[in-house]
Amino acid sequence: LSAMHDNIHATEVGNDPVDYRAVVGFGRPHEVFAWSRDFLANDQDAPPTRSTNEWIAPAVLTSGDVAGTATAWRPTAGAVAETAGFDGDMELGAALEAVPEDAQVVSDPRSGAWYVIADGEVSALTQRTAAELPNPLPIRQFQAVVAAEFADSATNARAQPGLVWALVAIACCLGILALPAIIRRARNR
């Protein structure tokens, strides 16, 4: 992440612009994981996570305050890590400072939630995630919850295309039914 310092740019945090050129360092980087597909499918033997080939660290200002996070990624397995960007999420940056070195940091892009897996339990990393997961859960108990949510969202996603086609069909029928009236109106002008 130290190479990221050369690519720093300004961003907005709330109403205050943060000039990332003032970043003097980064906290300990954490590899970012995502839930594995088999874990989300409720396969009890599946590993819970897969690597995203990304790392995230707190971005620290000259004042010592956490300004957000810095992310690096590796486009392919053997490639050198590259700057992915900076984020003004000060809550996430501060929370990352407290994550134990041997814990896994998990990002769930479907919900924007951030989790930590440590000692066989899943915990919320941020207050936003704590609204969904107020207390740590054993990994397999958490799996049952997240797999059910994933199944529901997959079912809803599959149901939506049918609804869209139904609405298109109704619009076409209404257009066809209205066509004679439109033609008569055009002839009478």
N, C-alpha and C. Protein backbone atom coordinates (compact mmCIF):
# COMPACT_ATOMS: atom_id res chain seq x y z
N LEU A 1 0.80 -1.21 0.00
CA LEU A 1 0.00 0.00 0.00
C LEU A 1 0.84 1.26 0.00
N SER A 2 2.10 1.16 0.36
CA SER A 2 2.91 2.38 0.41
C SER A 2 3.06 3.00 -0.98
N ALA A 3 3.00 2.21 -2.03
CA ALA A 3 3.09 2.76 -3.38
C ALA A 3 1.86 3.59 -3.73
N MET A 4 0.78 3.40 -2.99
CA MET A 4 -0.44 4.14 -3.26
C MET A 4 -0.27 5.62 -2.97
N HIS A 5 0.66 5.96 -2.11
CA HIS A 5 0.84 7.35 -1.71
C HIS A 5 1.08 8.25 -2.91
N ASP A 6 1.66 7.74 -3.97
CA ASP A 6 1.93 8.53 -5.17
C ASP A 6 0.67 8.82 -5.97
N ASN A 7 -0.39 8.05 -5.76
CA ASN A 7 -1.61 8.21 -6.55
C ASN A 7 -2.74 8.85 -5.76
N ILE A 8 -2.42 9.56 -4.72
CA ILE A 8 -3.43 10.12 -3.82
C ILE A 8 -4.16 11.28 -4.50
N HIS A 9 -5.46 11.34 -4.24
CA HIS A 9 -6.27 12.43 -4.77
C HIS A 9 -7.28 12.87 -3.71
N ALA A 10 -7.97 13.96 -3.96
CA ALA A 10 -8.94 14.47 -3.00
C ALA A 10 -10.29 13.81 -3.18
N THR A 11 -11.02 13.71 -2.11
CA THR A 11 -12.37 13.16 -2.14
C THR A 11 -13.20 13.90 -1.10
N GLU A 12 -14.48 13.67 -1.08
CA GLU A 12 -15.36 14.31 -0.11
C GLU A 12 -15.69 13.34 1.02
N VAL A 13 -15.62 13.81 2.23
CA VAL A 13 -16.06 13.06 3.40
C VAL A 13 -17.09 13.93 4.07
N GLY A 14 -18.35 13.54 3.98
CA GLY A 14 -19.41 14.40 4.47
C GLY A 14 -19.39 15.68 3.66
N ASN A 15 -19.28 16.82 4.34
CA ASN A 15 -19.20 18.10 3.63
C ASN A 15 -17.78 18.62 3.57
N ASP A 16 -16.84 17.92 4.19
CA ASP A 16 -15.46 18.39 4.24
C ASP A 16 -14.61 17.64 3.22
N PRO A 17 -13.92 18.39 2.36
CA PRO A 17 -13.02 17.69 1.44
C PRO A 17 -11.81 17.16 2.21
N VAL A 18 -11.41 15.95 1.88
CA VAL A 18 -10.20 15.38 2.47
C VAL A 18 -9.15 15.33 1.38
N ASP A 19 -8.04 16.00 1.61
CA ASP A 19 -6.95 15.97 0.65
C ASP A 19 -6.06 14.80 1.01
N TYR A 20 -6.13 13.75 0.22
CA TYR A 20 -5.39 12.55 0.54
C TYR A 20 -3.88 12.72 0.37
N ARG A 21 -3.43 13.90 -0.11
CA ARG A 21 -1.99 14.15 -0.11
C ARG A 21 -1.50 14.32 1.31
N ALA A 22 -2.42 14.57 2.25
CA ALA A 22 -2.06 14.72 3.66
C ALA A 22 -1.92 13.36 4.35
N VAL A 23 -2.26 12.29 3.65
CA VAL A 23 -2.09 10.96 4.22
C VAL A 23 -0.61 10.68 4.36
N VAL A 24 -0.22 10.34 5.56
CA VAL A 24 1.20 10.06 5.79
C VAL A 24 1.46 8.58 5.98
N GLY A 25 0.41 7.82 6.10
CA GLY A 25 0.63 6.39 6.28
C GLY A 25 -0.66 5.61 6.22
N PHE A 26 -0.47 4.34 6.35
CA PHE A 26 -1.59 3.42 6.30
C PHE A 26 -1.47 2.47 7.48
N GLY A 27 -2.62 2.07 8.01
CA GLY A 27 -2.62 1.05 9.04
C GLY A 27 -2.29 -0.30 8.41
N ARG A 28 -2.34 -1.33 9.22
CA ARG A 28 -2.04 -2.69 8.74
C ARG A 28 -3.06 -3.08 7.67
N PRO A 29 -2.58 -3.52 6.51
CA PRO A 29 -3.52 -3.96 5.47
C PRO A 29 -4.13 -5.32 5.82
N HIS A 30 -5.35 -5.50 5.39
CA HIS A 30 -6.08 -6.75 5.58
C HIS A 30 -6.52 -7.26 4.22
N GLU A 31 -6.31 -8.53 3.97
CA GLU A 31 -6.85 -9.11 2.74
C GLU A 31 -8.37 -9.09 2.83
N VAL A 32 -9.02 -8.77 1.71
CA VAL A 32 -10.48 -8.71 1.67
C VAL A 32 -11.01 -10.02 1.09
N PHE A 33 -11.97 -10.60 1.77
CA PHE A 33 -12.61 -11.83 1.33
C PHE A 33 -14.08 -11.56 1.03
N ALA A 34 -14.69 -12.46 0.28
CA ALA A 34 -16.13 -12.44 0.01
C ALA A 34 -16.67 -13.82 0.36
N TRP A 35 -17.98 -13.91 0.58
CA TRP A 35 -18.59 -15.21 0.86
C TRP A 35 -18.47 -16.08 -0.38
N SER A 36 -18.12 -17.34 -0.20
CA SER A 36 -18.02 -18.25 -1.35
C SER A 36 -19.43 -18.62 -1.83
N ARG A 37 -19.55 -18.95 -3.11
CA ARG A 37 -20.85 -19.32 -3.67
C ARG A 37 -21.44 -20.54 -2.97
N ASP A 38 -20.59 -21.52 -2.68
CA ASP A 38 -21.08 -22.73 -2.01
C ASP A 38 -21.54 -22.43 -0.58
N PHE A 39 -20.85 -21.51 0.09
CA PHE A 39 -21.27 -21.09 1.43
C PHE A 39 -22.66 -20.46 1.36
N LEU A 40 -22.85 -19.57 0.35
CA LEU A 40 -24.15 -18.92 0.18
C LEU A 40 -25.24 -19.91 -0.23
N ALA A 41 -24.84 -21.03 -0.85
CA ALA A 41 -25.79 -22.07 -1.23
C ALA A 41 -26.05 -23.03 -0.06
N ASN A 42 -25.51 -22.70 1.11
CA ASN A 42 -25.70 -23.45 2.35
C ASN A 42 -25.02 -24.81 2.35
N ASP A 43 -23.94 -24.96 1.59
CA ASP A 43 -23.14 -26.18 1.61
C ASP A 43 -22.33 -26.17 2.91
N GLN A 44 -22.66 -27.07 3.81
CA GLN A 44 -22.03 -27.09 5.14
C GLN A 44 -20.55 -27.44 5.09
N ASP A 45 -20.09 -28.06 4.01
CA ASP A 45 -18.68 -28.43 3.89
C ASP A 45 -17.85 -27.37 3.16
N ALA A 46 -18.51 -26.36 2.66
CA ALA A 46 -17.82 -25.35 1.85
C ALA A 46 -17.01 -24.41 2.72
N PRO A 47 -15.87 -23.97 2.20
CA PRO A 47 -15.16 -22.90 2.91
C PRO A 47 -16.04 -21.64 2.87
N PRO A 48 -16.08 -20.89 3.94
CA PRO A 48 -16.99 -19.74 3.97
C PRO A 48 -16.61 -18.60 3.03
N THR A 49 -15.33 -18.45 2.76
CA THR A 49 -14.90 -17.27 1.99
C THR A 49 -13.99 -17.64 0.82
N ARG A 50 -13.83 -16.64 -0.05
CA ARG A 50 -12.87 -16.72 -1.15
C ARG A 50 -12.17 -15.36 -1.20
N SER A 51 -10.93 -15.36 -1.64
CA SER A 51 -10.18 -14.12 -1.75
C SER A 51 -10.73 -13.27 -2.89
N THR A 52 -10.71 -11.97 -2.72
CA THR A 52 -11.10 -11.04 -3.79
C THR A 52 -9.87 -10.46 -4.49
N ASN A 53 -8.68 -10.86 -4.04
CA ASN A 53 -7.42 -10.28 -4.53
C ASN A 53 -7.34 -8.79 -4.26
N GLU A 54 -7.95 -8.37 -3.14
CA GLU A 54 -7.89 -6.98 -2.71
C GLU A 54 -7.39 -6.92 -1.27
N TRP A 55 -6.80 -5.78 -0.92
CA TRP A 55 -6.37 -5.51 0.44
C TRP A 55 -6.85 -4.13 0.80
N ILE A 56 -7.23 -3.95 2.06
CA ILE A 56 -7.74 -2.67 2.53
C ILE A 56 -7.00 -2.29 3.81
N ALA A 57 -6.72 -0.99 3.95
CA ALA A 57 -6.03 -0.49 5.14
C ALA A 57 -6.59 0.88 5.51
N PRO A 58 -6.51 1.23 6.80
CA PRO A 58 -6.89 2.59 7.18
C PRO A 58 -5.92 3.59 6.57
N ALA A 59 -6.43 4.70 6.08
CA ALA A 59 -5.60 5.80 5.58
C ALA A 59 -5.50 6.82 6.72
N VAL A 60 -4.27 7.13 7.15
CA VAL A 60 -4.05 7.96 8.33
C VAL A 60 -3.47 9.31 7.91
N LEU A 61 -4.05 10.39 8.44
CA LEU A 61 -3.61 11.75 8.14
C LEU A 61 -2.43 12.15 9.03
N THR A 62 -1.81 13.28 8.71
CA THR A 62 -0.68 13.78 9.50
C THR A 62 -1.09 14.01 10.95
N SER A 63 -2.35 14.30 11.19
CA SER A 63 -2.85 14.54 12.55
C SER A 63 -2.97 13.24 13.35
N GLY A 64 -2.88 12.10 12.66
CA GLY A 64 -3.07 10.80 13.32
C GLY A 64 -4.49 10.30 13.19
N ASP A 65 -5.39 11.14 12.68
CA ASP A 65 -6.78 10.74 12.49
C ASP A 65 -6.91 9.83 11.27
N VAL A 66 -7.86 8.91 11.36
CA VAL A 66 -8.16 8.05 10.22
C VAL A 66 -9.07 8.83 9.28
N ALA A 67 -8.67 8.92 8.02
CA ALA A 67 -9.43 9.68 7.02
C ALA A 67 -10.33 8.79 6.19
N GLY A 68 -10.15 7.49 6.29
CA GLY A 68 -10.93 6.56 5.47
C GLY A 68 -10.13 5.31 5.24
N THR A 69 -10.22 4.78 4.05
CA THR A 69 -9.51 3.55 3.72
C THR A 69 -8.79 3.69 2.39
N ALA A 70 -7.78 2.87 2.24
CA ALA A 70 -7.05 2.76 0.97
C ALA A 70 -7.13 1.30 0.55
N THR A 71 -7.37 1.07 -0.72
CA THR A 71 -7.52 -0.29 -1.23
C THR A 71 -6.53 -0.53 -2.36
N ALA A 72 -5.96 -1.72 -2.34
CA ALA A 72 -5.09 -2.18 -3.42
C ALA A 72 -5.67 -3.48 -3.94
N TRP A 73 -5.38 -3.78 -5.19
CA TRP A 73 -5.87 -5.04 -5.76
C TRP A 73 -4.82 -5.63 -6.68
N ARG A 74 -4.98 -6.88 -6.94
CA ARG A 74 -4.08 -7.59 -7.85
C ARG A 74 -4.94 -8.15 -8.98
N PRO A 75 -4.76 -7.66 -10.22
CA PRO A 75 -5.62 -8.07 -11.33
C PRO A 75 -5.53 -9.56 -11.68
N THR A 76 -4.35 -10.14 -11.52
CA THR A 76 -4.17 -11.57 -11.75
C THR A 76 -3.31 -12.13 -10.62
N ALA A 77 -3.33 -13.43 -10.48
CA ALA A 77 -2.67 -14.08 -9.34
C ALA A 77 -1.20 -13.69 -9.20
N GLY A 78 -0.44 -13.60 -10.27
CA GLY A 78 0.99 -13.30 -10.16
C GLY A 78 1.34 -11.84 -10.29
N ALA A 79 0.34 -10.99 -10.51
CA ALA A 79 0.60 -9.57 -10.76
C ALA A 79 0.97 -8.82 -9.49
N VAL A 80 1.61 -7.68 -9.68
CA VAL A 80 1.93 -6.78 -8.58
C VAL A 80 0.65 -6.04 -8.20
N ALA A 81 0.46 -5.83 -6.91
CA ALA A 81 -0.72 -5.10 -6.45
C ALA A 81 -0.70 -3.67 -6.96
N GLU A 82 -1.89 -3.15 -7.28
CA GLU A 82 -2.05 -1.80 -7.81
C GLU A 82 -3.02 -1.04 -6.93
N THR A 83 -2.95 0.27 -6.99
CA THR A 83 -3.90 1.11 -6.28
C THR A 83 -5.30 0.91 -6.85
N ALA A 84 -6.24 0.63 -5.98
CA ALA A 84 -7.63 0.52 -6.41
C ALA A 84 -8.39 1.79 -6.07
N GLY A 85 -7.99 2.45 -4.99
CA GLY A 85 -8.65 3.71 -4.67
C GLY A 85 -8.65 4.03 -3.19
N PHE A 86 -9.26 5.15 -2.90
CA PHE A 86 -9.40 5.64 -1.54
C PHE A 86 -10.87 5.87 -1.28
N ASP A 87 -11.27 5.72 -0.03
CA ASP A 87 -12.66 5.89 0.36
C ASP A 87 -12.68 6.72 1.64
N GLY A 88 -13.60 7.61 1.75
CA GLY A 88 -13.71 8.46 2.93
C GLY A 88 -14.49 7.83 4.07
N ASP A 89 -14.61 6.51 4.08
CA ASP A 89 -15.36 5.83 5.14
C ASP A 89 -14.51 5.76 6.40
N MET A 90 -14.61 6.80 7.23
CA MET A 90 -13.80 6.88 8.44
C MET A 90 -14.18 5.79 9.45
N GLU A 91 -15.45 5.43 9.51
CA GLU A 91 -15.87 4.38 10.43
C GLU A 91 -15.19 3.05 10.08
N LEU A 92 -15.21 2.69 8.80
CA LEU A 92 -14.57 1.46 8.38
C LEU A 92 -13.06 1.52 8.63
N GLY A 93 -12.44 2.64 8.30
CA GLY A 93 -11.00 2.79 8.52
C GLY A 93 -10.63 2.61 9.99
N ALA A 94 -11.40 3.23 10.88
CA ALA A 94 -11.12 3.10 12.31
C ALA A 94 -11.37 1.67 12.78
N ALA A 95 -12.42 1.04 12.28
CA ALA A 95 -12.73 -0.33 12.68
C ALA A 95 -11.64 -1.30 12.24
N LEU A 96 -11.05 -1.05 11.08
CA LEU A 96 -9.99 -1.93 10.58
C LEU A 96 -8.77 -1.93 11.50
N GLU A 97 -8.54 -0.81 12.19
CA GLU A 97 -7.39 -0.75 13.09
C GLU A 97 -7.50 -1.75 14.24
N ALA A 98 -8.72 -2.13 14.59
CA ALA A 98 -8.93 -3.04 15.72
C ALA A 98 -9.04 -4.51 15.31
N VAL A 99 -8.99 -4.79 14.01
CA VAL A 99 -9.14 -6.18 13.55
C VAL A 99 -7.86 -6.97 13.86
N PRO A 100 -8.00 -8.11 14.54
CA PRO A 100 -6.81 -8.93 14.83
C PRO A 100 -6.13 -9.38 13.53
N GLU A 101 -4.82 -9.56 13.61
CA GLU A 101 -4.03 -9.90 12.42
C GLU A 101 -4.47 -11.22 11.80
N ASP A 102 -4.90 -12.19 12.61
CA ASP A 102 -5.26 -13.50 12.08
C ASP A 102 -6.73 -13.62 11.69
N ALA A 103 -7.48 -12.52 11.77
CA ALA A 103 -8.90 -12.53 11.40
C ALA A 103 -9.06 -12.29 9.90
N GLN A 104 -10.21 -12.69 9.37
CA GLN A 104 -10.53 -12.40 7.96
C GLN A 104 -11.52 -11.24 7.91
N VAL A 105 -11.27 -10.31 6.99
CA VAL A 105 -12.18 -9.21 6.73
C VAL A 105 -13.01 -9.60 5.51
N VAL A 106 -14.34 -9.56 5.68
CA VAL A 106 -15.24 -10.01 4.62
C VAL A 106 -16.13 -8.85 4.17
N SER A 107 -16.14 -8.61 2.87
CA SER A 107 -17.01 -7.60 2.27
C SER A 107 -18.17 -8.32 1.59
N ASP A 108 -19.38 -7.83 1.84
CA ASP A 108 -20.56 -8.36 1.16
C ASP A 108 -21.12 -7.26 0.27
N PRO A 109 -20.72 -7.23 -1.00
CA PRO A 109 -21.13 -6.12 -1.87
C PRO A 109 -22.64 -6.07 -2.12
N ARG A 110 -23.34 -7.18 -1.92
CA ARG A 110 -24.80 -7.16 -2.12
C ARG A 110 -25.47 -6.22 -1.14
N SER A 111 -24.96 -6.19 0.11
CA SER A 111 -25.59 -5.37 1.14
C SER A 111 -24.72 -4.20 1.58
N GLY A 112 -23.46 -4.16 1.14
CA GLY A 112 -22.55 -3.12 1.59
C GLY A 112 -22.03 -3.38 3.00
N ALA A 113 -22.24 -4.59 3.50
CA ALA A 113 -21.85 -4.94 4.87
C ALA A 113 -20.39 -5.39 4.92
N TRP A 114 -19.77 -5.16 6.08
CA TRP A 114 -18.40 -5.60 6.34
C TRP A 114 -18.41 -6.45 7.60
N TYR A 115 -17.76 -7.59 7.53
CA TYR A 115 -17.72 -8.54 8.64
C TYR A 115 -16.28 -8.91 8.97
N VAL A 116 -16.11 -9.51 10.16
CA VAL A 116 -14.84 -10.07 10.58
C VAL A 116 -15.11 -11.51 11.01
N ILE A 117 -14.27 -12.42 10.53
CA ILE A 117 -14.33 -13.81 11.01
C ILE A 117 -13.09 -14.03 11.88
N ALA A 118 -13.34 -14.37 13.14
CA ALA A 118 -12.25 -14.65 14.07
C ALA A 118 -12.73 -15.71 15.06
N ASP A 119 -11.89 -16.67 15.33
CA ASP A 119 -12.19 -17.72 16.31
C ASP A 119 -13.51 -18.43 16.01
N GLY A 120 -13.79 -18.65 14.71
CA GLY A 120 -14.98 -19.40 14.33
C GLY A 120 -16.29 -18.63 14.42
N GLU A 121 -16.20 -17.31 14.65
CA GLU A 121 -17.41 -16.49 14.75
C GLU A 121 -17.37 -15.35 13.74
N VAL A 122 -18.57 -14.94 13.32
CA VAL A 122 -18.72 -13.80 12.43
C VAL A 122 -19.23 -12.63 13.25
N SER A 123 -18.58 -11.48 13.12
CA SER A 123 -18.97 -10.26 13.82
C SER A 123 -19.12 -9.14 12.81
N ALA A 124 -19.93 -8.16 13.17
CA ALA A 124 -20.06 -6.95 12.36
C ALA A 124 -18.81 -6.11 12.52
N LEU A 125 -18.31 -5.55 11.42
CA LEU A 125 -17.13 -4.69 11.48
C LEU A 125 -17.53 -3.23 11.68
N THR A 126 -18.68 -2.84 11.13
CA THR A 126 -19.12 -1.44 11.23
C THR A 126 -20.48 -1.36 11.92
N GLN A 127 -20.84 -0.17 12.35
CA GLN A 127 -22.14 0.03 12.98
C GLN A 127 -23.28 -0.26 12.00
N ARG A 128 -23.08 0.09 10.73
CA ARG A 128 -24.12 -0.19 9.73
C ARG A 128 -24.39 -1.69 9.65
N THR A 129 -23.33 -2.49 9.70
CA THR A 129 -23.49 -3.94 9.65
C THR A 129 -24.04 -4.47 10.96
N ALA A 130 -23.70 -3.82 12.08
CA ALA A 130 -24.19 -4.25 13.39
C ALA A 130 -25.71 -4.14 13.48
N ALA A 131 -26.32 -3.29 12.66
CA ALA A 131 -27.78 -3.21 12.65
C ALA A 131 -28.38 -4.54 12.17
N GLU A 132 -27.65 -5.24 11.28
CA GLU A 132 -28.10 -6.55 10.79
C GLU A 132 -27.60 -7.70 11.66
N LEU A 133 -26.42 -7.53 12.25
CA LEU A 133 -25.80 -8.58 13.04
C LEU A 133 -25.31 -7.96 14.35
N PRO A 134 -26.23 -7.79 15.33
CA PRO A 134 -25.85 -7.10 16.55
C PRO A 134 -24.89 -7.88 17.45
N ASN A 135 -24.90 -9.21 17.34
CA ASN A 135 -24.03 -10.04 18.17
C ASN A 135 -23.28 -11.04 17.30
N PRO A 136 -22.07 -11.41 17.70
CA PRO A 136 -21.33 -12.42 16.94
C PRO A 136 -22.10 -13.74 16.88
N LEU A 137 -21.96 -14.43 15.75
CA LEU A 137 -22.59 -15.74 15.57
C LEU A 137 -21.53 -16.76 15.15
N PRO A 138 -21.69 -18.01 15.59
CA PRO A 138 -20.82 -19.06 15.05
C PRO A 138 -20.98 -19.10 13.53
N ILE A 139 -19.91 -19.40 12.81
CA ILE A 139 -19.90 -19.31 11.34
C ILE A 139 -21.03 -20.11 10.70
N ARG A 140 -21.31 -21.32 11.16
CA ARG A 140 -22.35 -22.14 10.52
C ARG A 140 -23.75 -21.64 10.85
N GLN A 141 -23.94 -21.02 12.00
CA GLN A 141 -25.22 -20.41 12.33
C GLN A 141 -25.44 -19.18 11.45
N PHE A 142 -24.38 -18.40 11.27
CA PHE A 142 -24.45 -17.24 10.39
C PHE A 142 -24.74 -17.70 8.95
N GLN A 143 -24.13 -18.81 8.55
CA GLN A 143 -24.33 -19.33 7.20
C GLN A 143 -25.81 -19.59 6.92
N ALA A 144 -26.52 -20.17 7.88
CA ALA A 144 -27.94 -20.45 7.67
C ALA A 144 -28.72 -19.17 7.39
N VAL A 145 -28.38 -18.10 8.11
CA VAL A 145 -29.07 -16.82 7.93
C VAL A 145 -28.75 -16.21 6.57
N VAL A 146 -27.45 -16.11 6.25
CA VAL A 146 -27.04 -15.45 5.01
C VAL A 146 -27.44 -16.29 3.79
N ALA A 147 -27.43 -17.62 3.91
CA ALA A 147 -27.84 -18.48 2.78
C ALA A 147 -29.33 -18.30 2.51
N ALA A 148 -30.14 -18.17 3.55
CA ALA A 148 -31.58 -17.95 3.37
C ALA A 148 -31.83 -16.60 2.69
N GLU A 149 -31.10 -15.57 3.12
CA GLU A 149 -31.25 -14.25 2.49
C GLU A 149 -30.82 -14.30 1.04
N PHE A 150 -29.73 -15.00 0.77
CA PHE A 150 -29.23 -15.12 -0.60
C PHE A 150 -30.24 -15.86 -1.47
N ALA A 151 -30.84 -16.93 -0.94
CA ALA A 151 -31.84 -17.69 -1.70
C ALA A 151 -33.05 -16.82 -1.99
N ASP A 152 -33.48 -16.02 -1.00
CA ASP A 152 -34.62 -15.12 -1.21
C ASP A 152 -34.31 -14.08 -2.27
N SER A 153 -33.10 -13.50 -2.23
CA SER A 153 -32.75 -12.48 -3.22
C SER A 153 -32.63 -13.10 -4.61
N ALA A 154 -32.12 -14.35 -4.69
CA ALA A 154 -32.01 -15.02 -5.99
C ALA A 154 -33.40 -15.32 -6.54
N THR A 155 -34.33 -15.74 -5.68
CA THR A 155 -35.69 -16.01 -6.10
C THR A 155 -36.35 -14.73 -6.60
N ASN A 156 -36.16 -13.63 -5.86
CA ASN A 156 -36.74 -12.35 -6.27
C ASN A 156 -36.14 -11.87 -7.58
N ALA A 157 -34.84 -12.08 -7.77
CA ALA A 157 -34.19 -11.65 -9.01
C ALA A 157 -34.72 -12.45 -10.19
N ARG A 158 -34.97 -13.74 -9.99
CA ARG A 158 -35.51 -14.55 -11.09
C ARG A 158 -36.96 -14.17 -11.36
N ALA A 159 -37.69 -13.72 -10.34
CA ALA A 159 -39.10 -13.36 -10.52
C ALA A 159 -39.23 -12.04 -11.27
N GLN A 160 -38.29 -11.14 -11.13
CA GLN A 160 -38.39 -9.83 -11.74
C GLN A 160 -38.44 -9.86 -13.26
N PRO A 161 -37.63 -10.66 -13.97
CA PRO A 161 -37.73 -10.64 -15.43
C PRO A 161 -39.13 -11.01 -15.92
N GLY A 162 -39.79 -11.93 -15.25
CA GLY A 162 -41.16 -12.28 -15.64
C GLY A 162 -42.10 -11.11 -15.49
N LEU A 163 -41.93 -10.36 -14.42
CA LEU A 163 -42.76 -9.18 -14.19
C LEU A 163 -42.50 -8.14 -15.27
N VAL A 164 -41.26 -7.94 -15.63
CA VAL A 164 -40.91 -6.97 -16.68
C VAL A 164 -41.57 -7.37 -18.00
N TRP A 165 -41.47 -8.64 -18.37
CA TRP A 165 -42.08 -9.09 -19.63
C TRP A 165 -43.60 -8.96 -19.57
N ALA A 166 -44.19 -9.21 -18.43
CA ALA A 166 -45.65 -9.05 -18.29
C ALA A 166 -46.04 -7.59 -18.51
N LEU A 167 -45.28 -6.67 -17.93
CA LEU A 167 -45.57 -5.24 -18.11
C LEU A 167 -45.38 -4.82 -19.57
N VAL A 168 -44.37 -5.35 -20.23
CA VAL A 168 -44.15 -5.05 -21.65
C VAL A 168 -45.32 -5.58 -22.47
N ALA A 169 -45.78 -6.78 -22.19
CA ALA A 169 -46.91 -7.36 -22.92
C ALA A 169 -48.17 -6.53 -22.72
N ILE A 170 -48.41 -6.08 -21.50
CA ILE A 170 -49.59 -5.25 -21.22
C ILE A 170 -49.49 -3.93 -21.99
N ALA A 171 -48.31 -3.32 -22.00
CA ALA A 171 -48.12 -2.06 -22.72
C ALA A 171 -48.36 -2.26 -24.21
N CYS A 172 -47.88 -3.36 -24.77
CA CYS A 172 -48.09 -3.65 -26.19
C CYS A 172 -49.57 -3.83 -26.49
N CYS A 173 -50.27 -4.57 -25.65
CA CYS A 173 -51.71 -4.79 -25.85
C CYS A 173 -52.47 -3.48 -25.81
N LEU A 174 -52.13 -2.64 -24.83
CA LEU A 174 -52.80 -1.34 -24.74
C LEU A 174 -52.52 -0.49 -25.97
N GLY A 175 -51.28 -0.57 -26.46
CA GLY A 175 -50.92 0.17 -27.67
C GLY A 175 -51.70 -0.32 -28.87
N ILE A 176 -51.85 -1.63 -29.00
CA ILE A 176 -52.60 -2.21 -30.12
C ILE A 176 -54.07 -1.82 -30.02
N LEU A 177 -54.63 -1.88 -28.81
CA LEU A 177 -56.03 -1.51 -28.62
C LEU A 177 -56.25 -0.03 -28.90
N ALA A 178 -55.29 0.81 -28.60
CA ALA A 178 -55.43 2.24 -28.82
C ALA A 178 -55.15 2.64 -30.26
N LEU A 179 -54.53 1.78 -31.03
CA LEU A 179 -54.13 2.10 -32.40
C LEU A 179 -55.31 2.55 -33.27
N PRO A 180 -56.46 1.86 -33.30
CA PRO A 180 -57.57 2.34 -34.15
C PRO A 180 -58.02 3.76 -33.79
N ALA A 181 -58.07 4.07 -32.49
CA ALA A 181 -58.49 5.41 -32.08
C ALA A 181 -57.47 6.45 -32.54
N ILE A 182 -56.20 6.11 -32.47
CA ILE A 182 -55.15 7.03 -32.90
C ILE A 182 -55.25 7.28 -34.40
N ILE A 183 -55.50 6.23 -35.16
CA ILE A 183 -55.62 6.36 -36.62
C ILE A 183 -56.84 7.20 -36.96
N ARG A 184 -58.01 6.97 -36.31
CA ARG A 184 -59.21 7.77 -36.57
C ARG A 184 -58.96 9.22 -36.27
N ARG A 185 -58.30 9.51 -35.14
CA ARG A 185 -58.03 10.89 -34.75
C ARG A 185 -57.14 11.56 -35.80
N ALA A 186 -56.14 10.83 -36.32
CA ALA A 186 -55.22 11.38 -37.31
C ALA A 186 -55.96 11.67 -38.62
N ARG A 187 -56.93 10.81 -39.01
CA ARG A 187 -57.68 11.00 -40.26
C ARG A 187 -58.64 12.21 -40.14
N ASN A 188 -59.14 12.44 -38.96
CA ASN A 188 -60.12 13.53 -38.76
C ASN A 188 -59.43 14.90 -38.71
N ARG A 189 -58.14 14.95 -38.63
CA ARG A 189 -57.45 16.25 -38.57
C ARG A 189 -57.28 16.84 -39.89
